[in-house]
N, C-alpha and C. Protein backbone atom coordinates (compact mmCIF):
# COMPACT_ATOMS: atom_id res chain seq x y z
N MET A 1 -53.21 -24.53 -56.91
CA MET A 1 -51.87 -24.44 -57.37
C MET A 1 -50.69 -23.38 -57.05
N ALA A 2 -50.89 -21.84 -57.51
CA ALA A 2 -50.31 -21.04 -56.89
C ALA A 2 -50.42 -20.75 -55.84
N SER A 3 -51.21 -21.16 -54.88
CA SER A 3 -51.32 -20.92 -53.52
C SER A 3 -50.66 -22.06 -52.74
N ALA A 4 -50.10 -23.24 -52.99
CA ALA A 4 -49.75 -24.19 -52.36
C ALA A 4 -48.31 -24.14 -52.68
N THR A 5 -47.76 -23.58 -54.09
CA THR A 5 -46.69 -23.29 -54.38
C THR A 5 -46.18 -22.55 -53.21
N GLY A 6 -46.98 -21.21 -52.99
CA GLY A 6 -46.20 -20.49 -52.10
C GLY A 6 -46.17 -20.67 -50.88
N TYR A 7 -47.08 -21.54 -50.03
CA TYR A 7 -46.82 -21.95 -49.02
C TYR A 7 -45.44 -23.59 -49.21
N PHE A 8 -45.35 -23.83 -49.57
CA PHE A 8 -44.30 -24.69 -50.03
C PHE A 8 -43.21 -24.01 -49.61
N PHE A 9 -42.35 -23.21 -50.92
CA PHE A 9 -41.81 -22.00 -50.43
C PHE A 9 -41.51 -21.35 -48.94
N LEU A 10 -42.45 -20.94 -48.26
CA LEU A 10 -42.97 -20.11 -46.94
C LEU A 10 -42.32 -21.62 -46.14
N ALA A 11 -43.03 -22.77 -46.18
CA ALA A 11 -42.47 -23.58 -45.36
C ALA A 11 -40.86 -24.10 -45.40
N GLY A 12 -40.57 -24.12 -46.57
CA GLY A 12 -39.08 -24.11 -46.26
C GLY A 12 -37.76 -23.35 -45.79
N LEU A 13 -38.83 -22.12 -45.95
CA LEU A 13 -37.98 -21.04 -45.72
C LEU A 13 -37.96 -20.98 -44.01
N ARG A 14 -39.40 -20.93 -43.50
CA ARG A 14 -39.51 -21.22 -42.20
C ARG A 14 -38.39 -22.08 -41.40
N THR A 15 -38.51 -23.53 -42.41
CA THR A 15 -37.64 -24.57 -41.37
C THR A 15 -36.14 -24.39 -41.46
N PHE A 16 -35.71 -23.39 -42.53
CA PHE A 16 -34.19 -23.77 -42.45
C PHE A 16 -33.31 -22.40 -42.84
N VAL A 17 -34.48 -21.39 -42.25
CA VAL A 17 -33.82 -19.85 -42.04
C VAL A 17 -32.90 -19.70 -41.22
N VAL A 18 -32.90 -20.19 -40.09
CA VAL A 18 -32.23 -19.96 -38.96
C VAL A 18 -30.52 -20.75 -39.48
N VAL A 19 -31.34 -21.82 -39.41
CA VAL A 19 -29.66 -22.73 -40.20
C VAL A 19 -28.91 -21.66 -40.91
N PHE A 20 -29.62 -21.17 -42.02
CA PHE A 20 -29.25 -20.80 -43.11
C PHE A 20 -28.23 -19.55 -42.87
N VAL A 21 -28.88 -19.07 -42.00
CA VAL A 21 -28.33 -17.25 -41.79
C VAL A 21 -26.98 -17.47 -40.59
N VAL A 22 -27.20 -18.66 -39.59
CA VAL A 22 -25.81 -19.45 -38.64
C VAL A 22 -24.71 -19.63 -39.70
N TRP A 23 -25.39 -20.66 -40.58
CA TRP A 23 -24.05 -21.22 -41.51
C TRP A 23 -23.47 -19.73 -42.28
N HIS A 24 -24.46 -18.85 -43.19
CA HIS A 24 -24.06 -18.16 -44.40
C HIS A 24 -23.47 -17.03 -43.87
N PHE A 25 -24.29 -16.39 -42.59
CA PHE A 25 -23.61 -15.19 -41.94
C PHE A 25 -22.63 -15.35 -40.79
N GLY A 26 -22.21 -16.63 -40.35
CA GLY A 26 -21.24 -16.54 -39.38
C GLY A 26 -22.04 -16.17 -37.84
N ILE A 27 -23.08 -16.29 -37.81
CA ILE A 27 -23.29 -15.81 -36.39
C ILE A 27 -24.18 -16.93 -35.34
N SER A 28 -24.52 -16.84 -34.22
CA SER A 28 -24.71 -17.45 -33.70
C SER A 28 -26.48 -17.57 -33.58
N GLN A 29 -27.19 -18.89 -33.16
CA GLN A 29 -28.99 -18.40 -32.88
C GLN A 29 -29.13 -17.34 -32.39
N THR A 30 -28.61 -17.27 -31.20
CA THR A 30 -29.01 -16.14 -30.13
C THR A 30 -28.52 -14.72 -30.60
N ALA A 31 -27.73 -14.91 -31.16
CA ALA A 31 -27.56 -13.44 -32.18
C ALA A 31 -28.67 -13.15 -33.21
N PHE A 32 -29.49 -14.06 -33.44
CA PHE A 32 -30.12 -13.92 -34.49
C PHE A 32 -32.05 -13.66 -34.08
N ALA A 33 -31.93 -13.96 -33.19
CA ALA A 33 -33.29 -13.87 -32.39
C ALA A 33 -33.90 -12.52 -32.47
N GLY A 34 -33.17 -11.31 -32.31
CA GLY A 34 -33.69 -10.06 -32.86
C GLY A 34 -34.23 -9.72 -34.27
N PRO A 35 -33.08 -9.98 -35.43
CA PRO A 35 -33.20 -10.17 -36.71
C PRO A 35 -34.52 -11.25 -37.19
N LEU A 36 -34.65 -12.30 -36.19
CA LEU A 36 -35.88 -13.12 -36.51
C LEU A 36 -37.38 -12.66 -36.71
N LEU A 37 -37.38 -11.73 -35.29
CA LEU A 37 -38.43 -11.23 -35.13
C LEU A 37 -39.01 -10.45 -35.99
N LEU A 38 -37.77 -9.38 -36.34
CA LEU A 38 -38.29 -8.37 -37.80
C LEU A 38 -38.55 -9.17 -38.79
N ILE A 39 -37.76 -10.47 -39.41
CA ILE A 39 -38.59 -11.09 -40.31
C ILE A 39 -40.16 -11.37 -40.16
N GLY A 40 -40.42 -12.04 -38.69
CA GLY A 40 -41.65 -12.33 -38.39
C GLY A 40 -42.85 -11.31 -38.78
N ALA A 41 -42.26 -10.03 -38.26
CA ALA A 41 -43.33 -8.81 -38.22
C ALA A 41 -43.48 -8.50 -39.11
N ALA A 42 -42.60 -9.04 -40.46
CA ALA A 42 -42.58 -8.22 -41.39
C ALA A 42 -43.70 -9.07 -42.42
N ALA A 43 -43.81 -10.51 -42.25
CA ALA A 43 -44.63 -11.27 -42.71
C ALA A 43 -45.94 -10.84 -42.30
N LEU A 44 -45.71 -10.90 -40.63
CA LEU A 44 -47.69 -10.53 -40.34
C LEU A 44 -47.91 -9.34 -40.94
N ALA A 45 -47.20 -8.17 -41.28
CA ALA A 45 -47.83 -6.66 -41.91
C ALA A 45 -47.98 -7.23 -43.16
N GLY A 46 -47.24 -8.00 -43.92
CA GLY A 46 -47.75 -8.09 -45.16
C GLY A 46 -48.89 -8.96 -45.15
N VAL A 47 -49.23 -9.53 -44.68
CA VAL A 47 -50.64 -10.12 -44.24
C VAL A 47 -51.71 -9.60 -44.05
N VAL A 48 -51.64 -8.66 -43.26
CA VAL A 48 -52.61 -7.57 -42.79
C VAL A 48 -52.62 -6.75 -43.94
N LEU A 49 -51.53 -6.16 -44.38
CA LEU A 49 -51.74 -4.63 -45.52
C LEU A 49 -52.24 -5.48 -46.56
N ALA A 50 -51.71 -6.75 -47.13
CA ALA A 50 -52.66 -7.36 -48.29
C ALA A 50 -53.69 -7.34 -48.35
N GLY A 51 -54.41 -7.81 -47.20
CA GLY A 51 -55.83 -8.10 -47.03
C GLY A 51 -56.67 -6.83 -47.05
N ARG A 52 -56.44 -5.75 -46.60
CA ARG A 52 -57.02 -4.52 -46.53
C ARG A 52 -57.17 -3.39 -47.83
N LEU A 53 -55.57 -3.53 -48.10
CA LEU A 53 -55.55 -2.80 -49.49
C LEU A 53 -56.17 -3.57 -50.38
N SER A 54 -56.36 -5.02 -50.86
CA SER A 54 -57.14 -5.57 -51.80
C SER A 54 -58.46 -5.42 -51.65
N ASP A 55 -58.98 -5.37 -50.57
CA ASP A 55 -60.16 -5.08 -50.28
C ASP A 55 -60.75 -3.37 -50.23
N ARG A 56 -60.17 -2.86 -50.16
CA ARG A 56 -60.23 -1.16 -50.66
C ARG A 56 -60.42 -1.19 -52.10
N ALA A 57 -58.98 -2.23 -52.93
CA ALA A 57 -58.85 -1.87 -54.13
C ALA A 57 -60.38 -1.92 -55.14
N LEU A 58 -60.49 -3.03 -54.30
CA LEU A 58 -62.16 -4.05 -54.96
C LEU A 58 -62.90 -3.09 -54.69
N ALA A 59 -63.08 -2.70 -53.55
CA ALA A 59 -64.39 -1.57 -53.19
C ALA A 59 -64.35 -0.01 -54.76
N ARG A 60 -63.01 0.08 -54.76
CA ARG A 60 -63.26 0.97 -56.11
C ARG A 60 -63.15 0.41 -56.64
N GLY A 61 -63.11 -0.40 -57.23
CA GLY A 61 -63.88 -1.38 -58.89
C GLY A 61 -62.92 -2.19 -59.31
N ARG A 62 -61.48 -2.34 -58.87
CA ARG A 62 -60.50 -2.93 -59.39
C ARG A 62 -60.85 -4.81 -59.49
N VAL A 63 -61.72 -5.10 -60.17
CA VAL A 63 -62.32 -6.39 -60.05
C VAL A 63 -61.09 -7.45 -59.91
N ASP A 64 -59.76 -7.39 -60.76
CA ASP A 64 -59.15 -8.24 -60.62
C ASP A 64 -57.74 -7.79 -59.50
N VAL A 65 -58.17 -6.62 -58.59
CA VAL A 65 -56.78 -6.85 -57.82
C VAL A 65 -56.64 -8.18 -56.84
N ARG A 66 -57.72 -8.92 -56.38
CA ARG A 66 -57.09 -10.14 -55.56
C ARG A 66 -56.49 -11.12 -56.52
N ILE A 67 -56.39 -10.87 -57.95
CA ILE A 67 -55.06 -11.86 -58.83
C ILE A 67 -53.76 -11.00 -59.05
N VAL A 68 -54.03 -9.68 -58.97
CA VAL A 68 -52.93 -8.60 -59.21
C VAL A 68 -51.54 -8.41 -57.96
N VAL A 69 -52.45 -8.54 -56.47
CA VAL A 69 -51.37 -8.48 -55.14
C VAL A 69 -51.05 -9.60 -55.31
N PRO A 70 -51.32 -11.14 -55.38
CA PRO A 70 -50.56 -11.89 -54.98
C PRO A 70 -49.08 -12.34 -56.27
N ALA A 71 -49.77 -11.64 -57.41
CA ALA A 71 -48.44 -11.89 -58.78
C ALA A 71 -47.66 -10.89 -58.69
N VAL A 72 -47.88 -9.71 -58.24
CA VAL A 72 -46.54 -8.65 -57.76
C VAL A 72 -46.12 -9.27 -56.50
N GLY A 73 -46.75 -10.20 -55.23
CA GLY A 73 -46.05 -10.53 -54.14
C GLY A 73 -45.17 -11.32 -54.59
N TYR A 74 -45.42 -12.38 -55.37
CA TYR A 74 -44.88 -13.52 -55.66
C TYR A 74 -43.03 -13.36 -56.33
N THR A 75 -43.64 -12.04 -57.17
CA THR A 75 -42.84 -11.77 -58.32
C THR A 75 -41.83 -10.48 -57.57
N ALA A 76 -42.52 -9.95 -56.71
CA ALA A 76 -41.31 -8.70 -55.39
C ALA A 76 -40.45 -9.82 -54.59
N ALA A 77 -40.98 -10.74 -54.02
CA ALA A 77 -40.40 -11.76 -53.18
C ALA A 77 -39.47 -12.33 -53.66
N ALA A 78 -39.48 -13.01 -54.73
CA ALA A 78 -38.37 -13.65 -55.97
C ALA A 78 -37.34 -12.26 -55.63
N VAL A 79 -37.71 -11.37 -56.57
CA VAL A 79 -36.62 -10.09 -56.93
C VAL A 79 -36.03 -10.18 -55.54
N LEU A 80 -36.01 -9.68 -54.27
CA LEU A 80 -35.63 -9.37 -53.35
C LEU A 80 -34.99 -10.52 -52.77
N PHE A 81 -35.42 -11.74 -52.86
CA PHE A 81 -34.65 -12.57 -51.77
C PHE A 81 -33.37 -12.89 -52.87
N ILE A 82 -33.58 -13.04 -53.96
CA ILE A 82 -32.45 -13.32 -54.60
C ILE A 82 -31.07 -12.10 -54.45
N PRO A 83 -31.16 -11.11 -54.10
CA PRO A 83 -29.65 -10.78 -53.76
C PRO A 83 -29.60 -10.92 -51.91
N GLY A 84 -31.01 -10.49 -51.43
CA GLY A 84 -30.79 -11.07 -49.71
C GLY A 84 -30.36 -12.29 -49.98
N LEU A 85 -30.51 -13.08 -50.51
CA LEU A 85 -29.78 -14.50 -49.98
C LEU A 85 -28.36 -14.56 -50.10
N TRP A 86 -28.13 -13.83 -51.54
CA TRP A 86 -26.40 -13.75 -51.94
C TRP A 86 -26.00 -12.87 -51.26
N LEU A 87 -26.09 -11.69 -50.73
CA LEU A 87 -24.98 -11.23 -49.89
C LEU A 87 -24.42 -11.45 -48.94
N ALA A 88 -23.35 -11.58 -48.49
CA ALA A 88 -22.64 -12.09 -47.32
C ALA A 88 -22.67 -11.07 -45.80
N SER A 89 -23.30 -10.08 -46.31
CA SER A 89 -23.64 -8.80 -45.07
C SER A 89 -24.94 -9.18 -44.49
N LEU A 90 -25.04 -9.50 -42.93
CA LEU A 90 -26.41 -9.51 -42.46
C LEU A 90 -26.91 -8.21 -42.37
N ALA A 91 -26.45 -7.44 -42.32
CA ALA A 91 -26.69 -5.96 -42.39
C ALA A 91 -27.31 -5.62 -43.81
N ALA A 92 -26.67 -5.59 -44.85
CA ALA A 92 -27.15 -5.61 -46.06
C ALA A 92 -28.43 -6.26 -46.28
N ALA A 93 -28.44 -7.93 -45.94
CA ALA A 93 -29.64 -8.50 -46.50
C ALA A 93 -30.40 -8.55 -45.83
N LEU A 94 -30.39 -8.33 -44.44
CA LEU A 94 -31.55 -8.95 -43.39
C LEU A 94 -33.16 -7.45 -44.27
N PRO A 95 -32.68 -6.59 -44.50
CA PRO A 95 -33.67 -5.90 -45.03
C PRO A 95 -34.52 -6.18 -46.24
N LEU A 96 -33.82 -6.86 -47.11
CA LEU A 96 -34.48 -7.45 -48.24
C LEU A 96 -34.81 -8.79 -48.24
N ILE A 97 -34.55 -10.01 -47.30
CA ILE A 97 -35.15 -10.51 -46.75
C ILE A 97 -36.30 -10.55 -45.81
N ALA A 98 -36.59 -9.47 -45.23
CA ALA A 98 -37.57 -9.47 -44.22
C ALA A 98 -38.66 -8.50 -45.47
N LEU A 99 -38.14 -7.92 -46.35
CA LEU A 99 -39.30 -7.80 -47.16
C LEU A 99 -39.94 -8.08 -48.19
N GLY A 100 -38.70 -9.67 -48.72
CA GLY A 100 -39.03 -10.75 -49.29
C GLY A 100 -40.29 -11.27 -48.62
N THR A 101 -39.83 -11.54 -47.36
CA THR A 101 -40.74 -12.35 -46.60
C THR A 101 -42.42 -11.66 -46.51
N ALA A 102 -42.13 -10.89 -46.29
CA ALA A 102 -43.36 -9.88 -46.49
C ALA A 102 -44.52 -9.99 -47.82
N ALA A 103 -43.59 -9.91 -48.79
CA ALA A 103 -44.15 -9.80 -50.10
C ALA A 103 -44.79 -10.89 -50.18
N LEU A 104 -43.83 -12.09 -50.12
CA LEU A 104 -44.32 -13.51 -50.55
C LEU A 104 -45.62 -13.44 -49.24
N ALA A 105 -45.75 -13.38 -47.79
CA ALA A 105 -46.85 -13.50 -47.11
C ALA A 105 -47.97 -12.73 -47.32
N ALA A 106 -47.84 -11.79 -48.21
CA ALA A 106 -48.66 -10.45 -48.59
C ALA A 106 -49.46 -11.25 -49.41
N ALA A 107 -48.86 -12.42 -50.46
CA ALA A 107 -49.76 -12.98 -51.64
C ALA A 107 -50.91 -13.96 -51.01
N ASN A 108 -51.31 -14.40 -49.78
CA ASN A 108 -52.01 -15.23 -49.50
C ASN A 108 -53.26 -14.88 -49.42
N PRO A 109 -53.67 -13.87 -48.65
CA PRO A 109 -54.83 -13.37 -48.49
C PRO A 109 -55.78 -12.87 -49.21
N PRO A 110 -55.22 -12.20 -50.37
CA PRO A 110 -56.04 -12.06 -51.31
C PRO A 110 -56.30 -13.54 -52.54
N LEU A 111 -55.47 -13.77 -52.76
CA LEU A 111 -55.54 -15.31 -53.24
C LEU A 111 -56.73 -16.50 -52.72
N ASP A 112 -56.64 -16.41 -51.37
CA ASP A 112 -57.63 -17.28 -50.48
C ASP A 112 -58.65 -16.76 -51.30
N ALA A 113 -58.84 -15.34 -51.14
CA ALA A 113 -60.55 -14.63 -51.39
C ALA A 113 -60.57 -14.99 -52.61
N ALA A 114 -59.47 -14.75 -53.62
CA ALA A 114 -60.31 -14.83 -55.21
C ALA A 114 -60.85 -16.72 -55.39
N ARG A 115 -60.07 -17.48 -54.81
CA ARG A 115 -60.49 -18.94 -55.19
C ARG A 115 -61.97 -18.72 -54.80
N LEU A 116 -62.03 -18.23 -53.49
CA LEU A 116 -64.15 -18.22 -53.05
C LEU A 116 -64.43 -17.45 -54.21
N ASP A 117 -64.06 -16.12 -54.81
CA ASP A 117 -65.20 -15.55 -55.91
C ASP A 117 -65.15 -16.30 -56.71
N ILE A 118 -64.47 -17.06 -57.25
CA ILE A 118 -64.84 -17.88 -58.67
C ILE A 118 -64.81 -19.20 -58.74
N VAL A 119 -65.28 -19.83 -57.34
CA VAL A 119 -65.86 -21.03 -56.87
C VAL A 119 -67.23 -21.11 -56.45
N PRO A 120 -68.14 -21.75 -57.11
CA PRO A 120 -69.85 -21.48 -56.81
C PRO A 120 -69.88 -21.77 -55.22
N GLY A 121 -70.67 -21.00 -54.60
CA GLY A 121 -71.24 -21.34 -53.33
C GLY A 121 -71.49 -22.65 -53.07
N GLN A 122 -71.77 -23.44 -53.56
CA GLN A 122 -72.22 -25.06 -52.96
C GLN A 122 -71.11 -25.94 -53.30
N LEU A 123 -69.98 -25.29 -53.81
CA LEU A 123 -68.88 -26.19 -53.91
C LEU A 123 -67.62 -25.23 -53.20
N TRP A 124 -68.04 -24.82 -51.91
CA TRP A 124 -67.08 -24.18 -51.16
C TRP A 124 -66.21 -25.00 -50.03
N GLY A 125 -67.56 -26.21 -49.56
CA GLY A 125 -66.80 -26.98 -49.09
C GLY A 125 -65.55 -28.01 -49.11
N ARG A 126 -66.28 -28.60 -50.66
CA ARG A 126 -65.49 -29.10 -51.26
C ARG A 126 -63.46 -28.52 -51.98
N ALA A 127 -63.91 -27.19 -52.19
CA ALA A 127 -62.97 -26.34 -52.64
C ALA A 127 -61.96 -26.07 -51.57
N GLU A 128 -62.30 -26.05 -50.38
CA GLU A 128 -61.69 -25.64 -49.06
C GLU A 128 -61.05 -26.90 -48.51
N SER A 129 -61.75 -27.73 -48.83
CA SER A 129 -60.97 -29.29 -48.43
C SER A 129 -59.71 -29.55 -49.36
N LEU A 130 -59.91 -29.46 -50.85
CA LEU A 130 -58.75 -29.62 -51.92
C LEU A 130 -57.81 -28.38 -51.34
N ARG A 131 -58.05 -27.52 -51.02
CA ARG A 131 -57.16 -26.53 -50.88
C ARG A 131 -56.28 -26.57 -49.75
N THR A 132 -56.84 -27.07 -48.73
CA THR A 132 -56.29 -27.86 -47.73
C THR A 132 -55.39 -28.78 -47.78
N VAL A 133 -55.85 -29.69 -48.02
CA VAL A 133 -55.01 -31.24 -48.75
C VAL A 133 -53.77 -30.39 -49.20
N LEU A 134 -53.78 -29.60 -50.30
CA LEU A 134 -52.86 -29.10 -51.43
C LEU A 134 -51.41 -28.26 -50.09
N ARG A 135 -52.11 -27.56 -49.74
CA ARG A 135 -51.29 -26.54 -48.84
C ARG A 135 -50.58 -27.40 -47.53
N LEU A 136 -51.45 -28.77 -47.01
CA LEU A 136 -50.66 -29.48 -45.90
C LEU A 136 -49.57 -30.54 -46.70
N VAL A 137 -50.03 -30.71 -47.79
CA VAL A 137 -48.94 -31.35 -48.68
C VAL A 137 -47.65 -30.86 -48.85
N ALA A 138 -47.81 -29.71 -49.31
CA ALA A 138 -46.78 -28.58 -49.75
C ALA A 138 -45.85 -28.74 -48.60
N GLU A 139 -46.76 -28.50 -47.80
CA GLU A 139 -45.72 -27.64 -45.94
C GLU A 139 -45.25 -28.75 -45.61
N ALA A 140 -45.74 -30.23 -45.82
CA ALA A 140 -45.11 -31.34 -45.00
C ALA A 140 -43.89 -32.19 -46.24
N ALA A 141 -44.15 -31.38 -47.34
CA ALA A 141 -43.01 -31.78 -48.15
C ALA A 141 -41.91 -30.76 -48.43
N ALA A 142 -41.96 -29.59 -48.44
CA ALA A 142 -40.96 -28.76 -47.64
C ALA A 142 -39.83 -29.20 -47.63
N PRO A 143 -39.74 -29.33 -45.93
CA PRO A 143 -38.41 -29.80 -45.47
C PRO A 143 -37.84 -30.64 -45.97
N ALA A 144 -38.07 -31.77 -46.09
CA ALA A 144 -37.72 -33.02 -46.78
C ALA A 144 -36.95 -32.50 -48.07
N THR A 145 -37.75 -32.21 -48.75
CA THR A 145 -37.40 -31.36 -50.01
C THR A 145 -36.18 -30.40 -50.22
N PHE A 146 -36.26 -29.22 -49.56
CA PHE A 146 -35.06 -28.32 -49.50
C PHE A 146 -33.87 -28.88 -48.84
N GLY A 147 -34.16 -29.80 -47.77
CA GLY A 147 -33.11 -30.66 -47.32
C GLY A 147 -32.28 -31.32 -47.70
N TRP A 148 -33.24 -32.16 -48.55
CA TRP A 148 -32.17 -33.05 -49.46
C TRP A 148 -31.68 -32.30 -50.85
N LEU A 149 -32.40 -31.16 -51.21
CA LEU A 149 -31.48 -30.42 -52.11
C LEU A 149 -30.18 -29.75 -51.99
N ALA A 150 -30.41 -29.48 -50.62
CA ALA A 150 -29.24 -28.59 -49.89
C ALA A 150 -28.25 -29.39 -49.72
N ASP A 151 -28.39 -30.72 -49.73
CA ASP A 151 -27.29 -31.92 -49.13
C ASP A 151 -26.57 -32.03 -50.82
N GLN A 152 -27.66 -32.27 -52.10
CA GLN A 152 -26.90 -32.84 -53.21
C GLN A 152 -25.93 -31.09 -53.88
N LEU A 153 -26.45 -30.22 -53.40
CA LEU A 153 -25.69 -28.90 -53.91
C LEU A 153 -24.87 -28.39 -53.38
N GLY A 154 -24.69 -29.04 -51.99
CA GLY A 154 -23.41 -28.42 -50.89
C GLY A 154 -22.38 -29.12 -51.11
N GLY A 155 -22.73 -30.21 -50.82
CA GLY A 155 -21.60 -31.29 -50.65
C GLY A 155 -21.17 -30.74 -49.17
N PRO A 156 -20.16 -32.17 -48.72
CA PRO A 156 -19.48 -32.16 -47.54
C PRO A 156 -18.70 -30.70 -47.42
N ALA A 157 -18.43 -30.28 -48.30
CA ALA A 157 -17.48 -28.59 -48.01
C ALA A 157 -18.49 -27.29 -47.96
N GLY A 158 -19.55 -27.66 -48.87
CA GLY A 158 -20.62 -26.62 -48.87
C GLY A 158 -21.48 -26.51 -47.98
N ARG A 159 -21.73 -27.79 -46.92
CA ARG A 159 -22.56 -27.53 -46.08
C ARG A 159 -22.03 -26.50 -44.60
N SER A 160 -20.97 -26.35 -44.57
CA SER A 160 -20.09 -25.91 -43.48
C SER A 160 -20.70 -24.46 -44.01
N GLY A 161 -20.39 -23.93 -45.09
CA GLY A 161 -20.76 -22.36 -45.23
C GLY A 161 -22.05 -22.52 -45.79
N GLY A 162 -23.11 -22.91 -45.79
CA GLY A 162 -24.32 -22.75 -45.63
C GLY A 162 -24.78 -22.73 -47.25
N VAL A 163 -23.70 -22.97 -48.59
CA VAL A 163 -23.71 -22.61 -50.11
C VAL A 163 -24.75 -23.92 -50.73
N GLY A 164 -25.21 -24.80 -50.02
CA GLY A 164 -26.25 -25.77 -50.39
C GLY A 164 -27.51 -25.23 -50.29
N LEU A 165 -27.69 -24.53 -49.05
CA LEU A 165 -28.93 -24.14 -48.88
C LEU A 165 -29.18 -22.64 -49.81
N ARG A 166 -27.97 -21.97 -49.29
CA ARG A 166 -28.32 -20.87 -50.23
C ARG A 166 -28.52 -21.28 -51.57
N ASN A 167 -28.02 -22.08 -52.47
CA ASN A 167 -28.50 -22.41 -53.83
C ASN A 167 -29.79 -23.15 -54.16
N THR A 168 -30.04 -23.52 -52.89
CA THR A 168 -31.53 -24.85 -53.04
C THR A 168 -32.68 -23.48 -53.01
N PHE A 169 -32.71 -22.20 -52.22
CA PHE A 169 -33.32 -21.33 -51.83
C PHE A 169 -33.39 -20.69 -52.65
N LEU A 170 -32.24 -20.08 -53.82
CA LEU A 170 -31.98 -19.25 -54.78
C LEU A 170 -32.90 -20.25 -56.03
N ILE A 171 -32.83 -21.35 -56.52
CA ILE A 171 -33.52 -22.68 -57.02
C ILE A 171 -34.80 -22.23 -57.02
N MET A 172 -35.27 -22.63 -55.88
CA MET A 172 -36.88 -22.67 -55.48
C MET A 172 -37.57 -21.42 -56.09
N LEU A 173 -36.86 -20.14 -55.78
CA LEU A 173 -37.29 -19.14 -56.24
C LEU A 173 -37.68 -19.03 -57.63
N VAL A 174 -37.46 -19.93 -58.60
CA VAL A 174 -38.13 -19.87 -59.69
C VAL A 174 -39.58 -20.28 -59.64
N THR A 175 -39.94 -21.06 -58.58
CA THR A 175 -41.45 -21.50 -58.54
C THR A 175 -42.50 -19.94 -58.22
N LEU A 176 -41.74 -19.10 -57.49
CA LEU A 176 -42.07 -18.05 -57.23
C LEU A 176 -42.18 -17.13 -58.15
N LEU A 177 -41.61 -17.14 -59.25
CA LEU A 177 -41.81 -16.39 -60.31
C LEU A 177 -42.47 -17.36 -61.39
N ALA A 178 -42.59 -17.94 -61.80
CA ALA A 178 -43.41 -18.78 -62.29
C ALA A 178 -45.20 -18.87 -61.66
N ASN A 179 -45.54 -18.74 -60.39
CA ASN A 179 -46.59 -17.92 -59.53
C ASN A 179 -46.79 -17.04 -60.53
N GLY A 180 -45.78 -15.89 -60.37
CA GLY A 180 -46.56 -14.26 -60.48
C GLY A 180 -46.94 -14.33 -62.18
N VAL A 181 -45.60 -15.05 -63.03
CA VAL A 181 -46.29 -14.75 -64.41
C VAL A 181 -47.70 -15.67 -64.64
N LEU A 182 -48.03 -17.01 -63.63
CA LEU A 182 -49.07 -17.05 -64.05
C LEU A 182 -50.29 -16.68 -63.60
N LEU A 183 -50.15 -15.92 -62.73
CA LEU A 183 -51.12 -15.18 -62.09
C LEU A 183 -51.48 -13.77 -62.74
N PHE A 184 -50.41 -13.37 -63.58
CA PHE A 184 -50.75 -12.25 -64.26
C PHE A 184 -50.99 -12.68 -65.68
N THR A 185 -51.25 -13.70 -66.00
CA THR A 185 -51.94 -14.09 -67.00
C THR A 185 -53.12 -14.39 -66.91
N ALA A 186 -53.25 -14.86 -65.26
CA ALA A 186 -55.29 -15.09 -65.30
C ALA A 186 -55.92 -14.45 -65.29
N ARG A 187 -54.91 -13.38 -64.91
CA ARG A 187 -55.94 -12.05 -64.65
C ARG A 187 -56.96 -11.26 -65.26
N ARG A 188 -56.59 -11.66 -66.79
CA ARG A 188 -57.58 -11.41 -67.91
C ARG A 188 -59.04 -12.44 -67.78
N ALA A 189 -58.53 -13.72 -67.43
CA ALA A 189 -60.11 -14.39 -67.31
C ALA A 189 -60.45 -14.25 -65.41
N TYR A 190 -59.86 -13.55 -64.73
CA TYR A 190 -60.80 -13.54 -63.49
C TYR A 190 -61.95 -12.90 -63.43
N PRO A 191 -62.24 -11.60 -64.23
CA PRO A 191 -63.29 -11.40 -63.87
C PRO A 191 -64.46 -12.18 -64.61
N VAL A 192 -64.34 -12.53 -65.75
CA VAL A 192 -65.48 -13.85 -66.07
C VAL A 192 -65.83 -14.66 -65.63
N ASP A 193 -64.56 -15.52 -64.95
CA ASP A 193 -64.91 -16.70 -64.04
C ASP A 193 -65.70 -16.20 -62.69
N VAL A 194 -65.48 -14.77 -62.00
CA VAL A 194 -66.47 -14.46 -61.06
C VAL A 194 -67.72 -14.13 -61.14
N ALA A 195 -67.95 -13.63 -62.77
CA ALA A 195 -69.07 -13.46 -63.28
C ALA A 195 -69.63 -14.43 -63.29
N THR A 196 -69.19 -15.81 -63.89
CA THR A 196 -70.09 -17.38 -63.96
C THR A 196 -70.22 -17.68 -62.33
N ALA A 197 -68.99 -17.48 -61.54
CA ALA A 197 -69.59 -18.42 -60.17
C ALA A 197 -70.62 -17.15 -59.60
N SER A 198 -70.64 -16.19 -59.89
CA SER A 198 -71.77 -15.20 -59.10
C SER A 198 -72.85 -15.31 -59.75
N ALA A 199 -72.92 -15.74 -61.14
CA ALA A 199 -74.44 -16.21 -62.03
C ALA A 199 -75.00 -17.81 -61.04
N SER A 200 -73.91 -18.76 -61.10
CA SER A 200 -74.33 -19.89 -60.27
C SER A 200 -75.03 -19.89 -59.47
N ARG A 201 -74.78 -18.82 -58.67
CA ARG A 201 -74.66 -18.44 -56.97
C ARG A 201 -76.65 -17.97 -56.80
N ARG A 202 -76.78 -17.34 -57.83
CA ARG A 202 -77.65 -16.34 -58.24
C ARG A 202 -79.16 -17.65 -58.05
N ARG A 203 -78.57 -18.18 -59.24
CA ARG A 203 -79.38 -19.56 -59.81
C ARG A 203 -79.43 -20.31 -58.48
N GLY A 204 -78.70 -20.53 -58.19
CA GLY A 204 -78.76 -21.31 -56.43
C GLY A 204 -79.67 -21.09 -55.42
N THR A 205 -80.10 -19.75 -55.38
CA THR A 205 -80.66 -19.33 -54.90
C THR A 205 -82.20 -18.99 -54.94
N THR A 206 -82.52 -19.07 -56.21
CA THR A 206 -83.76 -18.98 -56.56
C THR A 206 -84.70 -20.46 -57.14
């Protein structure tokens, strides 16, 4: 569920970020092409770095790193997005939005790996099927949910200034903070779950 929630917010952000920037910062879509590439590059960097750093930490004995990294990523994303979405200056907001996107994207690779760590090998197919369904549902629901809530919060006057979208993004950040808290709590049980799944796989091969 934590992974699906992250994909939900990311899908909503991906759908409406251009509209939000045009309305909120008062620039054209053409002018936003460069900053949009920066945000995309930041997301890609977050994915690559999170996967490599979590694998290195795991090799050094940090068993819970695949839970800690996503927990930090979701929490950091929420903290960075709050001022990034509120500031009226694109120059000041862009670095925060880019870093928030990187932190959000960084949560996914180790979390996907952690899911396989705690699922017995003979159940990987069903686990991945469920993960895919949850992700697709979350990504499909995000645009409609974000759009509807933005209309409700913005009203006729708020739509022209991006107020509804801004407030929608800020409200949805609560889900990222909840993800962070949930994962920080789950990290204590994670080593036990890994050991249980590993023992199940060993029994299945004997």
